[in-house]
Structure formats: C-alpha cells, structure tokens
Amino acid sequence: MSPGDLAAASDAVRVAGGEPGAAAWIDPGDAADLPLAGLTAAAARAALEAALPHADVVVQPASVPRRRALLIADMDSTLIQCECIDELADYAGLKPQVAAITEAAMRGELDFTAALDARVALLAGMEVAVLDRCRAERVRLMPGARELVATMAAWGARTILVSGGFTAFAGPVGRMLGFDRIVANTLLSEDGRLTGTVARPVVDASTKFAELTAAGVPLDRCLAVGDGANDVPMLAAAGLGIAFHGKPATAAAADANVRHGDLTALLWAQGVPRRDWR
C-alpha cells in the first residue's frame, strides 16, 4: 500500500457521504487505520473495497477494544491450506468427485451433514494408516496461522478450533498451534479400516455457533474466522466475523473478507503492528 492508496480511501469515504479522519500506518506500506464517521459499516466497506481492489478492508466500530478476547477458527482452507476430505479421497482415486461435493457444500448449496455423509461413505474400507500419511504429506499450515494464534494467546485471548473436518487432522493441527479447545468430527473405523461413517452428533454450523456463544466471552469481544457456508452463523454472531478467502455467501455475511492477505491480516485488523507479533 502507498500514501496514494490512503488518499484514495479518504476520497472514497467522502464520495460515499462520510467524513474521513487522519490515516495512520500500523505497518508502513502494509496496513493502516482510517477513522471515519457518517457511514454505516456496510456502506464504508463497499466504498473502500471498490476504491482499493488490491487491499483487504476491515470496518469495525471504534467503541470496541481492538484486541479480541476470543479467537474461534475453522480449520480446512482457513488454518490449513487444503480440504482434508478431498485429500483423503485422492488416495482412493476419488478426489474430483469428492471435491465437487465439498465445493458445493461450502457454497451452501447442499445440506452439510448429508454432504459429509456422502463423501465419507466413499472412504469406506480405507486403511486408518492413510490418515496419518495424508496429514504428513498434504496438510500445511496457512501462512500467518502460527502468528495469529500465538499473538492472541500472548495477550490472554482464549482460542477455539472448531471444524467440520476430522479429529485425525484437527487434533494435531490444533495442538501444534496451541489452541485451548479443539472440536471436530470423528471418523469411525473397525479392524484398522474406515467404516465410511462419522460419529454423531456431527460438528456443523450449529456446533460452531454453540461453541462461540458458550465460551463465556462477550460476543463483541470475539473474533471468528472461516471460509465456508457452515461458518456463517458464527461469523455473523461474533463481534468481528472475518471470511478468509470466503465463498460468496460467506463473504457477504461476514464483517470483512480477507481476499489477498494471509492470516496475519487478522492481527492488523486488531491494530497489532508486526513488531508485536509472536
């Protein structure tokens, strides 16, 4: 970002009918704050995203402390760079079929539980050992995941990983990143092979919402992040709900959509300069 970008942002606020204040860098060239008044958050977001198509925009009220007291995060395509069920399916030669169902479910076009059951059924008979192999060979952390979790934990924020994916992946990922609580689905097996079924109850959108509201932190002090349709309820309820490279419906329901940056964008959104990242 350049000083010209900040000037363009101020101009966009004025054109939309708002009044911009003095912009200030959080990290020069990378992230800045622009106080503004006279616009709704939705109107400000629309004006700024149109004016700065190469930048991520987060509009939030100045009345709430920037540093959130809770982080609740999705895993697949959020904390990690893949959809684990699609990668598992690849070992069975079924990735295109499974990935198509995953994409439709994440766009909200299919019932989540029905889509999950249909995909998991295709994995019946797979050796359980493939789960460990898949995790070692395919699962990579999203850039910025370590910094985001460690930095928020350092100021005392509680951290929850809640995933519609599987404990075989969420457990190791969550422990590696230092999450306080990890919630995910369990793939059932017999005699060392997957049965093609998932333990009940299924972790779905309602579970994510319930984990957020049961955390004991005022909602306006909560930060939620995810990419798919099953993340929408928790994103909409959290004080700051951020879609991370979100599907269209998810991006529309969230307070912001990180389209360009990695997860460290969520630290800049909380006003944290790079020198304070862990």
Protein backbone atom coordinates (compact mmCIF):
# COMPACT_ATOMS: atom_id res chain seq x y z
CA MET A 1 0.00 0.00 0.00
CA SER A 2 1.09 3.55 -0.68
CA PRO A 3 0.21 7.02 0.64
CA GLY A 4 -1.78 7.34 -2.57
CA ASP A 5 -3.91 4.40 -1.50
CA LEU A 6 -4.70 6.13 1.79
CA ALA A 7 -5.68 9.29 -0.09
CA ALA A 8 -7.90 7.21 -2.38
CA ALA A 9 -9.53 5.63 0.67
CA SER A 10 -10.28 9.04 2.16
CA ASP A 11 -11.71 10.25 -1.14
CA ALA A 12 -13.93 7.16 -1.36
CA VAL A 13 -15.34 7.83 2.11
CA ARG A 14 -16.16 11.42 1.16
CA VAL A 15 -17.81 10.41 -2.10
CA ALA A 16 -19.97 7.91 -0.20
CA GLY A 17 -21.13 10.70 2.14
CA GLY A 18 -18.85 10.06 5.09
CA GLU A 19 -16.15 12.05 6.79
CA PRO A 20 -12.65 10.54 6.97
CA GLY A 21 -10.16 11.33 9.71
CA ALA A 22 -6.38 11.27 9.53
CA ALA A 23 -4.98 7.96 8.33
CA ALA A 24 -2.15 6.37 10.32
CA TRP A 25 0.11 3.49 9.40
CA ILE A 26 0.06 0.32 11.52
CA ASP A 27 2.97 -1.03 9.45
CA PRO A 28 4.16 1.38 6.74
CA GLY A 29 3.42 0.05 3.28
CA ASP A 30 1.33 -2.83 4.57
CA ALA A 31 -1.55 -1.79 6.84
CA ALA A 32 -3.15 1.43 8.01
CA ASP A 33 -6.06 2.76 10.07
CA LEU A 34 -8.53 5.27 8.67
CA PRO A 35 -11.01 6.71 11.18
CA LEU A 36 -14.31 7.63 9.59
CA ALA A 37 -17.79 8.84 10.54
CA GLY A 38 -21.15 9.30 8.89
CA LEU A 39 -21.42 5.91 7.14
CA THR A 40 -22.75 2.51 8.10
CA ALA A 41 -20.14 -0.25 8.27
CA ALA A 42 -21.63 -1.86 5.16
CA ALA A 43 -21.52 1.37 3.16
CA ALA A 44 -17.95 2.10 4.24
CA ARG A 45 -16.84 -1.43 3.37
CA ALA A 46 -18.42 -1.27 -0.09
CA ALA A 47 -16.86 2.12 -0.86
CA LEU A 48 -13.40 1.13 0.34
CA GLU A 49 -13.34 -2.27 -1.35
CA ALA A 50 -14.31 -0.60 -4.62
CA ALA A 51 -11.61 2.06 -4.23
CA LEU A 52 -8.88 -0.39 -3.17
CA PRO A 53 -9.48 -3.65 -5.06
CA HIS A 54 -5.95 -4.83 -4.27
CA ALA A 55 -6.35 -4.38 -0.49
CA ASP A 56 -8.24 -6.09 2.32
CA VAL A 57 -10.73 -3.86 4.13
CA VAL A 58 -11.99 -4.34 7.68
CA VAL A 59 -14.55 -1.85 9.01
CA GLN A 60 -15.30 -2.03 12.72
CA PRO A 61 -16.66 0.25 15.45
CA ALA A 62 -14.13 2.36 17.32
CA SER A 63 -16.08 1.82 20.54
CA VAL A 64 -14.96 -1.83 20.94
CA PRO A 65 -11.43 -2.74 22.12
CA ARG A 66 -9.47 -3.81 19.05
CA ARG A 67 -7.70 -6.75 20.67
CA ARG A 68 -10.28 -9.51 20.94
CA ALA A 69 -10.60 -11.83 23.93
CA LEU A 70 -11.58 -14.93 21.92
CA LEU A 71 -10.46 -16.41 18.63
CA ILE A 72 -12.71 -19.12 17.17
CA ALA A 73 -11.48 -20.55 13.88
CA ASP A 74 -12.41 -23.02 11.17
CA MET A 75 -9.61 -25.33 10.03
CA ASP A 76 -9.83 -26.57 6.43
CA SER A 77 -8.87 -23.83 3.93
CA THR A 78 -8.55 -21.46 6.88
CA LEU A 79 -5.87 -22.63 9.32
CA ILE A 80 -4.55 -25.13 6.78
CA GLN A 81 -4.18 -24.88 3.01
CA CYS A 82 -6.35 -27.83 1.98
CA GLU A 83 -9.67 -29.60 2.48
CA CYS A 84 -8.65 -32.79 4.26
CA ILE A 85 -11.52 -34.91 2.99
CA ASP A 86 -10.62 -34.04 -0.60
CA GLU A 87 -7.01 -35.03 0.03
CA LEU A 88 -8.08 -38.30 1.67
CA ALA A 89 -10.24 -39.05 -1.34
CA ASP A 90 -7.23 -38.55 -3.59
CA TYR A 91 -5.60 -41.62 -2.04
CA ALA A 92 -8.67 -43.61 -3.16
CA GLY A 93 -8.67 -42.05 -6.63
CA LEU A 94 -11.88 -40.16 -5.90
CA LYS A 95 -10.73 -36.58 -5.40
CA PRO A 96 -12.65 -34.97 -8.31
CA GLN A 97 -15.98 -36.46 -7.19
CA VAL A 98 -15.47 -35.61 -3.52
CA ALA A 99 -14.03 -32.14 -4.18
CA ALA A 100 -17.09 -31.22 -6.25
CA ILE A 101 -19.37 -32.11 -3.32
CA THR A 102 -17.12 -30.21 -0.90
CA GLU A 103 -17.19 -27.07 -3.03
CA ALA A 104 -20.98 -27.15 -3.33
CA ALA A 105 -21.38 -27.71 0.41
CA MET A 106 -19.03 -24.83 1.24
CA ARG A 107 -21.05 -22.56 -1.05
CA GLY A 108 -24.16 -23.53 0.90
CA GLU A 109 -25.78 -25.38 -1.99
CA LEU A 110 -26.01 -28.72 -0.15
CA ASP A 111 -27.01 -29.76 3.36
CA PHE A 112 -23.73 -30.00 5.27
CA THR A 113 -24.41 -33.26 7.14
CA ALA A 114 -25.83 -35.04 4.10
CA ALA A 115 -22.85 -33.93 2.00
CA LEU A 116 -20.43 -35.04 4.72
CA ASP A 117 -22.06 -38.46 4.98
CA ALA A 118 -21.99 -38.90 1.20
CA ARG A 119 -18.30 -38.07 0.98
CA VAL A 120 -17.25 -40.13 3.98
CA ALA A 121 -19.17 -43.14 2.64
CA LEU A 122 -16.84 -43.14 -0.36
CA LEU A 123 -13.89 -43.67 2.01
CA ALA A 124 -15.24 -46.96 3.39
CA GLY A 125 -12.52 -49.60 3.53
CA MET A 126 -9.62 -47.16 3.54
CA GLU A 127 -6.85 -48.13 5.94
CA VAL A 128 -6.76 -45.89 9.02
CA ALA A 129 -3.00 -45.52 8.49
CA VAL A 130 -3.76 -43.41 5.42
CA LEU A 131 -4.98 -40.64 7.75
CA ASP A 132 -1.51 -40.21 9.22
CA ARG A 133 0.06 -40.43 5.78
CA CYS A 134 -2.31 -37.79 4.41
CA ARG A 135 -1.63 -35.46 7.31
CA ALA A 136 2.14 -35.78 6.87
CA GLU A 137 2.12 -35.43 3.09
CA ARG A 138 -0.70 -32.98 2.40
CA VAL A 139 -1.52 -30.80 5.42
CA ARG A 140 0.33 -27.48 5.52
CA LEU A 141 -0.44 -24.57 7.81
CA MET A 142 -1.88 -21.43 6.29
CA PRO A 143 0.70 -18.62 6.36
CA GLY A 144 0.10 -16.46 9.40
CA ALA A 145 -1.67 -19.17 11.43
CA ARG A 146 1.14 -19.52 13.97
CA GLU A 147 1.48 -15.77 14.43
CA LEU A 148 -2.26 -15.22 14.78
CA VAL A 149 -2.84 -17.84 17.46
CA ALA A 150 0.37 -17.23 19.40
CA THR A 151 -0.05 -13.44 19.43
CA MET A 152 -3.64 -13.53 20.61
CA ALA A 153 -2.85 -16.17 23.23
CA ALA A 154 0.00 -13.99 24.50
CA TRP A 155 -2.40 -11.21 25.49
CA GLY A 156 -4.71 -13.73 27.17
CA ALA A 157 -7.27 -14.46 24.47
CA ARG A 158 -8.97 -17.84 24.57
CA THR A 159 -8.61 -19.90 21.36
CA ILE A 160 -11.01 -22.49 19.94
CA LEU A 161 -10.58 -24.55 16.77
CA VAL A 162 -13.95 -25.89 15.61
CA SER A 163 -14.00 -27.85 12.39
CA GLY A 164 -16.48 -29.79 10.29
CA GLY A 165 -13.41 -31.83 9.35
CA PHE A 166 -11.88 -34.65 11.32
CA THR A 167 -10.16 -35.12 14.67
CA ALA A 168 -7.35 -37.04 12.97
CA PHE A 169 -6.29 -33.72 11.45
CA ALA A 170 -7.75 -31.09 13.78
CA GLY A 171 -6.16 -32.63 16.88
CA PRO A 172 -2.56 -32.46 15.66
CA VAL A 173 -3.07 -29.09 13.94
CA GLY A 174 -4.76 -27.57 16.98
CA ARG A 175 -2.11 -28.84 19.37
CA MET A 176 0.69 -27.64 17.09
CA LEU A 177 -0.81 -24.14 17.04
CA GLY A 178 -1.61 -24.11 20.76
CA PHE A 179 -5.42 -23.90 20.69
CA ASP A 180 -7.13 -24.14 24.08
CA ARG A 181 -10.01 -26.23 22.74
CA ILE A 182 -10.39 -28.43 19.65
CA VAL A 183 -13.74 -29.66 18.31
CA ALA A 184 -14.12 -31.78 15.16
CA ASN A 185 -15.80 -34.85 13.67
CA THR A 186 -14.58 -38.39 14.32
CA LEU A 187 -14.22 -40.90 11.50
CA LEU A 188 -15.33 -44.35 12.68
CA SER A 189 -13.25 -47.45 11.99
CA GLU A 190 -13.18 -51.20 12.54
CA ASP A 191 -10.21 -53.55 12.30
CA GLY A 192 -7.94 -50.78 11.05
CA ARG A 193 -10.21 -49.61 8.24
CA LEU A 194 -12.69 -46.74 7.93
CA THR A 195 -16.33 -47.79 8.06
CA GLY A 196 -17.46 -44.88 5.89
CA THR A 197 -19.37 -43.26 8.74
CA VAL A 198 -18.95 -40.31 11.10
CA ALA A 199 -19.67 -40.29 14.84
CA ARG A 200 -22.77 -38.44 15.98
CA PRO A 201 -23.57 -35.69 16.66
CA VAL A 202 -21.94 -34.14 13.61
CA VAL A 203 -19.94 -30.95 14.11
CA ASP A 204 -21.71 -28.48 11.83
CA ALA A 205 -22.71 -24.82 11.64
CA SER A 206 -24.86 -25.08 14.77
CA THR A 207 -21.93 -26.56 16.69
CA LYS A 208 -19.68 -23.68 15.68
CA PHE A 209 -22.30 -21.17 16.76
CA ALA A 210 -22.78 -23.01 20.06
CA GLU A 211 -19.05 -23.08 20.78
CA LEU A 212 -18.89 -19.33 20.24
CA THR A 213 -21.83 -18.49 22.45
CA ALA A 214 -20.83 -20.94 25.20
CA ALA A 215 -17.29 -19.60 25.50
CA GLY A 216 -18.23 -17.08 28.18
CA VAL A 217 -16.78 -14.10 26.30
CA PRO A 218 -18.99 -11.12 25.32
CA LEU A 219 -19.74 -11.53 21.62
CA ASP A 220 -18.43 -8.07 20.76
CA ARG A 221 -15.02 -9.18 22.11
CA CYS A 222 -14.93 -12.27 19.87
CA LEU A 223 -13.13 -12.79 16.56
CA ALA A 224 -14.35 -15.59 14.28
CA VAL A 225 -12.75 -16.70 11.02
CA GLY A 226 -13.75 -19.22 8.37
CA ASP A 227 -14.34 -19.67 4.65
CA GLY A 228 -17.48 -21.72 4.08
CA ALA A 229 -21.25 -21.66 4.47
CA ASN A 230 -21.11 -23.66 7.70
CA ASP A 231 -19.10 -20.81 9.24
CA VAL A 232 -21.77 -18.16 8.55
CA PRO A 233 -23.67 -18.39 11.89
CA MET A 234 -20.54 -17.93 14.00
CA LEU A 235 -19.18 -15.19 11.72
CA ALA A 236 -22.47 -13.30 11.88
CA ALA A 237 -22.68 -13.61 15.68
CA ALA A 238 -19.09 -12.68 16.55
CA GLY A 239 -18.22 -9.05 17.18
CA LEU A 240 -15.74 -9.32 14.32
CA GLY A 241 -16.50 -12.08 11.82
CA ILE A 242 -13.93 -12.40 9.05
CA ALA A 243 -14.31 -14.56 5.96
CA PHE A 244 -10.91 -15.84 4.86
CA HIS A 245 -10.88 -16.06 1.06
CA GLY A 246 -14.54 -16.80 1.66
CA LYS A 247 -17.16 -18.25 -0.64
CA PRO A 248 -19.56 -15.54 -1.90
CA ALA A 249 -22.31 -16.13 0.66
CA THR A 250 -19.76 -16.31 3.46
CA ALA A 251 -18.05 -13.10 2.40
CA ALA A 252 -21.39 -11.32 2.24
CA ALA A 253 -22.42 -12.46 5.73
CA ALA A 254 -19.11 -11.59 7.39
CA ASP A 255 -17.93 -8.17 8.55
CA ALA A 256 -14.93 -8.45 6.24
CA ASN A 257 -13.48 -10.75 3.61
CA VAL A 258 -9.71 -11.21 3.51
CA ARG A 259 -9.17 -11.71 -0.22
CA HIS A 260 -5.47 -11.02 -0.60
CA GLY A 261 -3.53 -11.38 2.65
CA ASP A 262 -2.75 -14.31 4.90
CA LEU A 263 -3.95 -14.79 8.47
CA THR A 264 -1.72 -12.02 9.79
CA ALA A 265 -4.32 -9.68 8.27
CA LEU A 266 -6.40 -10.55 11.35
CA LEU A 267 -3.66 -9.13 13.56
CA TRP A 268 -3.56 -5.89 11.56
CA ALA A 269 -7.36 -5.81 11.87
CA GLN A 270 -6.80 -5.74 15.63
CA GLY A 271 -4.32 -2.88 15.33
CA VAL A 272 -1.26 -5.03 16.07
CA PRO A 273 1.97 -4.00 14.32
CA ARG A 274 4.43 -6.61 13.13
CA ARG A 275 6.88 -5.84 15.92
CA ASP A 276 4.34 -7.20 18.43
CA TRP A 277 3.61 -10.48 16.63
CA ARG A 278 4.71 -13.69 18.31
